[in-house]
Amino acid sequence: MADNDPQCARELSQFAENLLQQLQDNFQTLTEKLTQRMEEMGERIDDLEKHVTGLMVEAGIENASEELMH
């Protein structure tokens, strides 16, 4: 049984290393997806602000850009 312990320890160590690598890869993928979605949302918010400003100008509200900043 003593002969199997080093092999078992190496297998367990390799398993743990593989598992940690998979977790790191999954975390990296999720991070990239979240970053991309946040950038997309930022662009959408910018577009929405531009449209609201345009509508405020059309409605005759003065200083439309300044009012959106507050």
C-alpha atoms as a PDB file:
ATOM      1  CA  MET A   1       0.000   0.000   0.000  1.00  0.00           C
ATOM      2  CA  ALA A   2       2.943   2.295   0.623  1.00  0.00           C
ATOM      3  CA  ASP A   3       3.892   1.933  -3.041  1.00  0.00           C
ATOM      4  CA  ASN A   4       0.531   3.344  -4.155  1.00  0.00           C
ATOM      5  CA  ASP A   5       0.608   6.451  -1.957  1.00  0.00           C
ATOM      6  CA  PRO A   6       3.094   8.487  -4.059  1.00  0.00           C
ATOM      7  CA  GLN A   7       1.177   7.635  -7.254  1.00  0.00           C
ATOM      8  CA  CYS A   8      -2.118   8.536  -5.628  1.00  0.00           C
ATOM      9  CA  ALA A   9      -0.653  11.815  -4.373  1.00  0.00           C
ATOM     10  CA  ARG A  10       0.652  12.678  -7.856  1.00  0.00           C
ATOM     11  CA  GLU A  11      -2.732  11.880  -9.411  1.00  0.00           C
ATOM     12  CA  LEU A  12      -4.532  13.984  -6.832  1.00  0.00           C
ATOM     13  CA  SER A  13      -2.104  16.837  -7.368  1.00  0.00           C
ATOM     14  CA  GLN A  14      -2.564  16.644 -11.143  1.00  0.00           C
ATOM     15  CA  PHE A  15      -6.337  16.517 -10.757  1.00  0.00           C
ATOM     16  CA  ALA A  16      -6.286  19.607  -8.526  1.00  0.00           C
ATOM     17  CA  GLU A  17      -4.005  21.431 -10.963  1.00  0.00           C
ATOM     18  CA  ASN A  18      -6.276  20.599 -13.909  1.00  0.00           C
ATOM     19  CA  LEU A  19      -9.343  21.676 -11.967  1.00  0.00           C
ATOM     20  CA  LEU A  20      -7.755  25.000 -11.022  1.00  0.00           C
ATOM     21  CA  GLN A  21      -6.749  25.589 -14.652  1.00  0.00           C
ATOM     22  CA  GLN A  22     -10.311  24.923 -15.805  1.00  0.00           C
ATOM     23  CA  LEU A  23     -11.655  27.319 -13.184  1.00  0.00           C
ATOM     24  CA  GLN A  24      -9.178  29.979 -14.251  1.00  0.00           C
ATOM     25  CA  ASP A  25     -10.120  29.519 -17.920  1.00  0.00           C
ATOM     26  CA  ASN A  26     -13.830  29.731 -17.115  1.00  0.00           C
ATOM     27  CA  PHE A  27     -13.293  32.827 -14.980  1.00  0.00           C
ATOM     28  CA  GLN A  28     -11.304  34.482 -17.794  1.00  0.00           C
ATOM     29  CA  THR A  29     -14.063  33.711 -20.295  1.00  0.00           C
ATOM     30  CA  LEU A  30     -16.730  35.136 -17.991  1.00  0.00           C
ATOM     31  CA  THR A  31     -14.629  38.226 -17.341  1.00  0.00           C
ATOM     32  CA  GLU A  32     -14.263  38.843 -21.069  1.00  0.00           C
ATOM     33  CA  LYS A  33     -17.992  38.402 -21.650  1.00  0.00           C
ATOM     34  CA  LEU A  34     -18.886  40.757 -18.803  1.00  0.00           C
ATOM     35  CA  THR A  35     -16.434  43.378 -20.027  1.00  0.00           C
ATOM     36  CA  GLN A  36     -17.877  43.185 -23.534  1.00  0.00           C
ATOM     37  CA  ARG A  37     -21.438  43.485 -22.264  1.00  0.00           C
ATOM     38  CA  MET A  38     -20.539  46.438 -20.051  1.00  0.00           C
ATOM     39  CA  GLU A  39     -18.973  48.197 -23.041  1.00  0.00           C
ATOM     40  CA  GLU A  40     -22.093  47.496 -25.111  1.00  0.00           C
ATOM     41  CA  MET A  41     -24.317  48.866 -22.351  1.00  0.00           C
ATOM     42  CA  GLY A  42     -22.134  51.960 -22.107  1.00  0.00           C
ATOM     43  CA  GLU A  43     -22.565  52.549 -25.837  1.00  0.00           C
ATOM     44  CA  ARG A  44     -26.318  52.085 -25.548  1.00  0.00           C
ATOM     45  CA  ILE A  45     -26.499  54.554 -22.671  1.00  0.00           C
ATOM     46  CA  ASP A  46     -24.496  57.090 -24.697  1.00  0.00           C
ATOM     47  CA  ASP A  47     -26.886  56.643 -27.635  1.00  0.00           C
ATOM     48  CA  LEU A  48     -29.889  57.005 -25.342  1.00  0.00           C
ATOM     49  CA  GLU A  49     -28.484  60.232 -23.886  1.00  0.00           C
ATOM     50  CA  LYS A  50     -27.985  61.610 -27.409  1.00  0.00           C
ATOM     51  CA  HIS A  51     -31.557  60.726 -28.378  1.00  0.00           C
ATOM     52  CA  VAL A  52     -32.989  62.258 -25.218  1.00  0.00           C
ATOM     53  CA  THR A  53     -30.947  65.412 -25.804  1.00  0.00           C
ATOM     54  CA  GLY A  54     -32.236  65.568 -29.371  1.00  0.00           C
ATOM     55  CA  LEU A  55     -35.811  65.172 -28.195  1.00  0.00           C
ATOM     56  CA  MET A  56     -35.349  67.876 -25.576  1.00  0.00           C
ATOM     57  CA  VAL A  57     -33.956  70.238 -28.206  1.00  0.00           C
ATOM     58  CA  GLU A  58     -36.898  69.464 -30.505  1.00  0.00           C
ATOM     59  CA  ALA A  59     -39.272  70.145 -27.624  1.00  0.00           C
ATOM     60  CA  GLY A  60     -37.682  73.552 -27.134  1.00  0.00           C
ATOM     61  CA  ILE A  61     -36.062  72.863 -23.799  1.00  0.00           C
ATOM     62  CA  GLU A  62     -32.973  75.065 -23.478  1.00  0.00           C
ATOM     63  CA  ASN A  63     -29.647  73.712 -22.266  1.00  0.00           C
ATOM     64  CA  ALA A  64     -30.756  70.124 -22.890  1.00  0.00           C
ATOM     65  CA  SER A  65     -27.222  68.751 -22.612  1.00  0.00           C
ATOM     66  CA  GLU A  66     -26.580  70.540 -19.332  1.00  0.00           C
ATOM     67  CA  GLU A  67     -29.838  69.289 -17.809  1.00  0.00           C
ATOM     68  CA  LEU A  68     -28.935  65.672 -18.623  1.00  0.00           C
ATOM     69  CA  MET A  69     -25.642  66.049 -16.778  1.00  0.00           C
ATOM     70  CA  HIS A  70     -27.360  66.908 -13.464  1.00  0.00           C
END
